[in-house]
Amino acid sequence: MAKVSDSASSSSFTNQGVLAGCSDAIAQKISGVKRIQFRRLLLLMLYGFAYGGPFGHFFHKLMDTIFKGKKGNSTVAKKVLLEQLTSSPWNNFLFMSYYGLVVEGRPWKLVKHKLGKDYPTIQLTAWKFWPIVGWVNYQYVPLQFRVLFSSFVASCWSIFLNLKARSPVIKNA
């Protein structure tokens, strides 16, 4: 059975931070920002380094422990279901909260309102998108590459989240 090594974990942390930065730069350009907002980009890279990479690494190790030695479509379906009922809602909530509170510096009251307004739609969209990614990841990707695979797909998802999480701001920043 493949194990996720310490070097794989540190590279997944780095990959997640770099991908978060790239996703934010793309999201900024899509949203019409004329000059890249480096503070925002660095704060999102920090989120990727400090949370996204470690969470993905330890989550996949935990899933491998919970379902140790079990294979087959039934096991993959259980992994996908468990992931969608636990980490998916949590990660989307945490990202939106971090984005509003830290990246944008908004008070909790405004962030809470934005969460109430946009979170249900974001989570429903996640439940249409991520189960397919999860199925491919658990069915076909070896454990040591699951965080990397998820990170690449998450970079696209992060563009969507960036665009949904941001409050309307002046674009010529």
C-alpha atoms as a PDB file:
ATOM      1  CA  MET A   1       0.000   0.000   0.000  1.00  0.00           C
ATOM      2  CA  ALA A   2       1.343   3.419  -0.933  1.00  0.00           C
ATOM      3  CA  LYS A   3       2.019   5.865   1.859  1.00  0.00           C
ATOM      4  CA  VAL A   4       2.129   9.618   1.636  1.00  0.00           C
ATOM      5  CA  SER A   5       5.698  10.526   2.559  1.00  0.00           C
ATOM      6  CA  ASP A   6       6.873  13.621   4.419  1.00  0.00           C
ATOM      7  CA  SER A   7       8.381  14.996   1.205  1.00  0.00           C
ATOM      8  CA  ALA A   8       5.063  14.408  -0.563  1.00  0.00           C
ATOM      9  CA  SER A   9       3.262  16.247   2.224  1.00  0.00           C
ATOM     10  CA  SER A  10       5.572  19.264   2.125  1.00  0.00           C
ATOM     11  CA  SER A  11       5.308  19.406  -1.655  1.00  0.00           C
ATOM     12  CA  SER A  12       1.500  19.174  -1.433  1.00  0.00           C
ATOM     13  CA  PHE A  13       1.549  22.133   0.978  1.00  0.00           C
ATOM     14  CA  THR A  14       3.720  24.105  -1.467  1.00  0.00           C
ATOM     15  CA  ASN A  15       1.678  23.032  -4.487  1.00  0.00           C
ATOM     16  CA  GLN A  16      -1.546  24.095  -2.804  1.00  0.00           C
ATOM     17  CA  GLY A  17      -0.132  27.518  -1.972  1.00  0.00           C
ATOM     18  CA  VAL A  18       1.218  28.103  -5.481  1.00  0.00           C
ATOM     19  CA  LEU A  19      -2.013  26.879  -7.085  1.00  0.00           C
ATOM     20  CA  ALA A  20      -4.063  29.110  -4.778  1.00  0.00           C
ATOM     21  CA  GLY A  21      -1.990  32.080  -5.919  1.00  0.00           C
ATOM     22  CA  CYS A  22      -2.364  31.170  -9.591  1.00  0.00           C
ATOM     23  CA  SER A  23      -6.106  30.676  -9.179  1.00  0.00           C
ATOM     24  CA  ASP A  24      -6.453  34.046  -7.525  1.00  0.00           C
ATOM     25  CA  ALA A  25      -4.457  35.805 -10.254  1.00  0.00           C
ATOM     26  CA  ILE A  26      -6.727  34.234 -12.884  1.00  0.00           C
ATOM     27  CA  ALA A  27      -9.859  35.121 -10.882  1.00  0.00           C
ATOM     28  CA  GLN A  28      -8.659  38.703 -10.533  1.00  0.00           C
ATOM     29  CA  LYS A  29      -8.108  39.003 -14.280  1.00  0.00           C
ATOM     30  CA  ILE A  30     -11.488  37.401 -15.089  1.00  0.00           C
ATOM     31  CA  SER A  31     -13.212  39.820 -12.718  1.00  0.00           C
ATOM     32  CA  GLY A  32     -11.650  42.787 -14.511  1.00  0.00           C
ATOM     33  CA  VAL A  33      -9.012  43.884 -12.002  1.00  0.00           C
ATOM     34  CA  LYS A  34      -6.513  46.006 -13.940  1.00  0.00           C
ATOM     35  CA  ARG A  35      -3.511  45.410 -11.682  1.00  0.00           C
ATOM     36  CA  ILE A  36      -3.026  42.241  -9.648  1.00  0.00           C
ATOM     37  CA  GLN A  37      -3.767  42.840  -5.973  1.00  0.00           C
ATOM     38  CA  PHE A  38      -0.669  41.258  -4.402  1.00  0.00           C
ATOM     39  CA  ARG A  39      -1.903  41.460  -0.805  1.00  0.00           C
ATOM     40  CA  ARG A  40      -4.973  39.431  -1.769  1.00  0.00           C
ATOM     41  CA  LEU A  41      -2.858  36.991  -3.786  1.00  0.00           C
ATOM     42  CA  LEU A  42      -0.413  36.479  -0.900  1.00  0.00           C
ATOM     43  CA  LEU A  43      -3.225  35.987   1.628  1.00  0.00           C
ATOM     44  CA  LEU A  44      -4.773  33.317  -0.589  1.00  0.00           C
ATOM     45  CA  MET A  45      -1.385  31.664  -1.065  1.00  0.00           C
ATOM     46  CA  LEU A  46      -1.046  31.639   2.729  1.00  0.00           C
ATOM     47  CA  TYR A  47      -4.446  29.943   2.958  1.00  0.00           C
ATOM     48  CA  GLY A  48      -3.245  27.283   0.506  1.00  0.00           C
ATOM     49  CA  PHE A  49       0.078  26.744   2.310  1.00  0.00           C
ATOM     50  CA  ALA A  50      -1.300  26.806   5.850  1.00  0.00           C
ATOM     51  CA  TYR A  51      -4.669  25.138   5.384  1.00  0.00           C
ATOM     52  CA  GLY A  52      -5.379  23.723   1.910  1.00  0.00           C
ATOM     53  CA  GLY A  53      -2.255  21.593   1.563  1.00  0.00           C
ATOM     54  CA  PRO A  54      -2.161  20.230   5.126  1.00  0.00           C
ATOM     55  CA  PHE A  55      -5.912  19.577   5.187  1.00  0.00           C
ATOM     56  CA  GLY A  56      -5.830  17.693   1.874  1.00  0.00           C
ATOM     57  CA  HIS A  57      -2.803  15.669   2.939  1.00  0.00           C
ATOM     58  CA  PHE A  58      -4.236  14.601   6.290  1.00  0.00           C
ATOM     59  CA  PHE A  59      -7.748  14.117   4.947  1.00  0.00           C
ATOM     60  CA  HIS A  60      -6.550  11.623   2.322  1.00  0.00           C
ATOM     61  CA  LYS A  61      -4.424   9.825   4.924  1.00  0.00           C
ATOM     62  CA  LEU A  62      -7.493   9.618   7.186  1.00  0.00           C
ATOM     63  CA  MET A  63      -9.659   8.273   4.375  1.00  0.00           C
ATOM     64  CA  ASP A  64      -7.010   5.644   3.622  1.00  0.00           C
ATOM     65  CA  THR A  65      -6.989   4.663   7.301  1.00  0.00           C
ATOM     66  CA  ILE A  66     -10.789   4.503   7.590  1.00  0.00           C
ATOM     67  CA  PHE A  67     -11.104   2.370   4.464  1.00  0.00           C
ATOM     68  CA  LYS A  68      -7.791   0.521   4.835  1.00  0.00           C
ATOM     69  CA  GLY A  69      -7.504  -2.365   2.423  1.00  0.00           C
ATOM     70  CA  LYS A  70     -11.022  -1.928   1.071  1.00  0.00           C
ATOM     71  CA  LYS A  71     -11.463  -1.506  -2.642  1.00  0.00           C
ATOM     72  CA  GLY A  72     -14.236  -1.601  -5.178  1.00  0.00           C
ATOM     73  CA  ASN A  73     -17.063   0.615  -6.297  1.00  0.00           C
ATOM     74  CA  SER A  74     -18.907   0.395  -2.986  1.00  0.00           C
ATOM     75  CA  THR A  75     -15.867   1.640  -1.063  1.00  0.00           C
ATOM     76  CA  VAL A  76     -15.234   4.430  -3.564  1.00  0.00           C
ATOM     77  CA  ALA A  77     -18.877   5.498  -3.274  1.00  0.00           C
ATOM     78  CA  LYS A  78     -18.588   5.569   0.538  1.00  0.00           C
ATOM     79  CA  LYS A  79     -15.411   7.654   0.342  1.00  0.00           C
ATOM     80  CA  VAL A  80     -17.030  10.127  -2.031  1.00  0.00           C
ATOM     81  CA  LEU A  81     -20.150  10.346   0.140  1.00  0.00           C
ATOM     82  CA  LEU A  82     -18.132  10.845   3.332  1.00  0.00           C
ATOM     83  CA  GLU A  83     -16.012  13.513   1.657  1.00  0.00           C
ATOM     84  CA  GLN A  84     -19.074  15.343   0.330  1.00  0.00           C
ATOM     85  CA  LEU A  85     -20.850  15.313   3.684  1.00  0.00           C
ATOM     86  CA  THR A  86     -17.835  16.423   5.735  1.00  0.00           C
ATOM     87  CA  SER A  87     -14.947  18.187   4.041  1.00  0.00           C
ATOM     88  CA  SER A  88     -16.862  19.765   1.164  1.00  0.00           C
ATOM     89  CA  PRO A  89     -19.276  21.859   3.277  1.00  0.00           C
ATOM     90  CA  TRP A  90     -16.541  22.689   5.784  1.00  0.00           C
ATOM     91  CA  ASN A  91     -13.965  23.750   3.164  1.00  0.00           C
ATOM     92  CA  ASN A  92     -16.412  25.977   1.293  1.00  0.00           C
ATOM     93  CA  PHE A  93     -17.629  27.599   4.518  1.00  0.00           C
ATOM     94  CA  LEU A  94     -14.075  28.142   5.763  1.00  0.00           C
ATOM     95  CA  PHE A  95     -12.869  29.585   2.456  1.00  0.00           C
ATOM     96  CA  MET A  96     -15.751  32.040   2.237  1.00  0.00           C
ATOM     97  CA  SER A  97     -15.247  33.071   5.871  1.00  0.00           C
ATOM     98  CA  TYR A  98     -11.482  33.502   5.442  1.00  0.00           C
ATOM     99  CA  TYR A  99     -11.982  35.445   2.242  1.00  0.00           C
ATOM    100  CA  GLY A 100     -14.458  37.852   3.793  1.00  0.00           C
ATOM    101  CA  LEU A 101     -12.780  38.288   7.177  1.00  0.00           C
ATOM    102  CA  VAL A 102      -9.088  38.165   6.246  1.00  0.00           C
ATOM    103  CA  VAL A 103      -8.720  38.898   2.543  1.00  0.00           C
ATOM    104  CA  GLU A 104     -11.374  41.594   2.347  1.00  0.00           C
ATOM    105  CA  GLY A 105     -11.203  42.649   6.020  1.00  0.00           C
ATOM    106  CA  ARG A 106     -14.981  42.750   6.367  1.00  0.00           C
ATOM    107  CA  PRO A 107     -16.737  42.569   9.760  1.00  0.00           C
ATOM    108  CA  TRP A 108     -18.320  39.254  10.735  1.00  0.00           C
ATOM    109  CA  LYS A 109     -21.830  40.661  10.315  1.00  0.00           C
ATOM    110  CA  LEU A 110     -21.255  41.323   6.588  1.00  0.00           C
ATOM    111  CA  VAL A 111     -19.448  38.015   6.085  1.00  0.00           C
ATOM    112  CA  LYS A 112     -22.305  36.190   7.812  1.00  0.00           C
ATOM    113  CA  HIS A 113     -24.812  37.908   5.508  1.00  0.00           C
ATOM    114  CA  LYS A 114     -22.747  36.946   2.429  1.00  0.00           C
ATOM    115  CA  LEU A 115     -22.531  33.350   3.669  1.00  0.00           C
ATOM    116  CA  GLY A 116     -26.288  33.205   4.170  1.00  0.00           C
ATOM    117  CA  LYS A 117     -26.881  34.579   0.705  1.00  0.00           C
ATOM    118  CA  ASP A 118     -24.269  32.681  -1.365  1.00  0.00           C
ATOM    119  CA  TYR A 119     -23.191  29.583   0.586  1.00  0.00           C
ATOM    120  CA  PRO A 120     -26.207  27.374  -0.284  1.00  0.00           C
ATOM    121  CA  THR A 121     -25.716  27.937  -4.027  1.00  0.00           C
ATOM    122  CA  ILE A 122     -21.976  27.355  -3.759  1.00  0.00           C
ATOM    123  CA  GLN A 123     -22.443  24.136  -1.809  1.00  0.00           C
ATOM    124  CA  LEU A 124     -25.078  22.820  -4.215  1.00  0.00           C
ATOM    125  CA  THR A 125     -22.719  23.560  -7.103  1.00  0.00           C
ATOM    126  CA  ALA A 126     -19.946  21.753  -5.230  1.00  0.00           C
ATOM    127  CA  TRP A 127     -22.170  18.704  -4.828  1.00  0.00           C
ATOM    128  CA  LYS A 128     -22.676  18.619  -8.604  1.00  0.00           C
ATOM    129  CA  PHE A 129     -18.974  18.986  -9.404  1.00  0.00           C
ATOM    130  CA  TRP A 130     -16.851  17.349  -6.695  1.00  0.00           C
ATOM    131  CA  PRO A 131     -18.404  13.862  -6.504  1.00  0.00           C
ATOM    132  CA  ILE A 132     -17.177  13.193 -10.053  1.00  0.00           C
ATOM    133  CA  VAL A 133     -13.699  14.440  -9.147  1.00  0.00           C
ATOM    134  CA  GLY A 134     -13.760  12.385  -5.946  1.00  0.00           C
ATOM    135  CA  TRP A 135     -14.800   9.260  -7.813  1.00  0.00           C
ATOM    136  CA  VAL A 136     -11.941   9.600 -10.296  1.00  0.00           C
ATOM    137  CA  ASN A 137      -9.512  10.410  -7.497  1.00  0.00           C
ATOM    138  CA  TYR A 138     -10.407   7.451  -5.264  1.00  0.00           C
ATOM    139  CA  GLN A 139     -10.934   4.976  -8.100  1.00  0.00           C
ATOM    140  CA  TYR A 140      -7.924   5.695 -10.301  1.00  0.00           C
ATOM    141  CA  VAL A 141      -5.346   7.914  -8.584  1.00  0.00           C
ATOM    142  CA  PRO A 142      -2.767   6.316  -6.256  1.00  0.00           C
ATOM    143  CA  LEU A 143      -2.792   7.678  -2.687  1.00  0.00           C
ATOM    144  CA  GLN A 144       0.508   9.526  -3.059  1.00  0.00           C
ATOM    145  CA  PHE A 145      -0.922  11.572  -5.967  1.00  0.00           C
ATOM    146  CA  ARG A 146      -4.445  12.243  -4.658  1.00  0.00           C
ATOM    147  CA  VAL A 147      -3.657  15.573  -3.026  1.00  0.00           C
ATOM    148  CA  LEU A 148      -1.836  16.711  -6.170  1.00  0.00           C
ATOM    149  CA  PHE A 149      -4.744  15.657  -8.389  1.00  0.00           C
ATOM    150  CA  SER A 150      -7.267  17.321  -6.080  1.00  0.00           C
ATOM    151  CA  SER A 151      -5.092  20.438  -5.936  1.00  0.00           C
ATOM    152  CA  PHE A 152      -5.067  20.845  -9.693  1.00  0.00           C
ATOM    153  CA  VAL A 153      -8.830  20.445  -9.912  1.00  0.00           C
ATOM    154  CA  ALA A 154      -9.248  22.663  -6.845  1.00  0.00           C
ATOM    155  CA  SER A 155      -7.348  25.421  -8.613  1.00  0.00           C
ATOM    156  CA  CYS A 156     -10.228  25.614 -11.104  1.00  0.00           C
ATOM    157  CA  TRP A 157     -12.774  25.414  -8.285  1.00  0.00           C
ATOM    158  CA  SER A 158     -10.881  28.183  -6.472  1.00  0.00           C
ATOM    159  CA  ILE A 159     -11.396  30.506  -9.415  1.00  0.00           C
ATOM    160  CA  PHE A 160     -15.142  29.913  -9.066  1.00  0.00           C
ATOM    161  CA  LEU A 161     -14.978  30.412  -5.273  1.00  0.00           C
ATOM    162  CA  ASN A 162     -12.875  33.552  -5.617  1.00  0.00           C
ATOM    163  CA  LEU A 163     -15.424  35.049  -7.967  1.00  0.00           C
ATOM    164  CA  LYS A 164     -18.354  34.050  -5.747  1.00  0.00           C
ATOM    165  CA  ALA A 165     -16.747  34.942  -2.393  1.00  0.00           C
ATOM    166  CA  ARG A 166     -15.597  38.427  -3.276  1.00  0.00           C
ATOM    167  CA  SER A 167     -17.755  41.396  -2.477  1.00  0.00           C
ATOM    168  CA  PRO A 168     -18.374  43.920  -5.232  1.00  0.00           C
ATOM    169  CA  VAL A 169     -15.314  46.187  -5.235  1.00  0.00           C
ATOM    170  CA  ILE A 170     -13.805  48.828  -7.424  1.00  0.00           C
ATOM    171  CA  LYS A 171     -11.983  47.006 -10.211  1.00  0.00           C
ATOM    172  CA  ASN A 172      -9.186  49.504 -10.832  1.00  0.00           C
ATOM    173  CA  ALA A 173      -7.292  48.561  -7.666  1.00  0.00           C
END
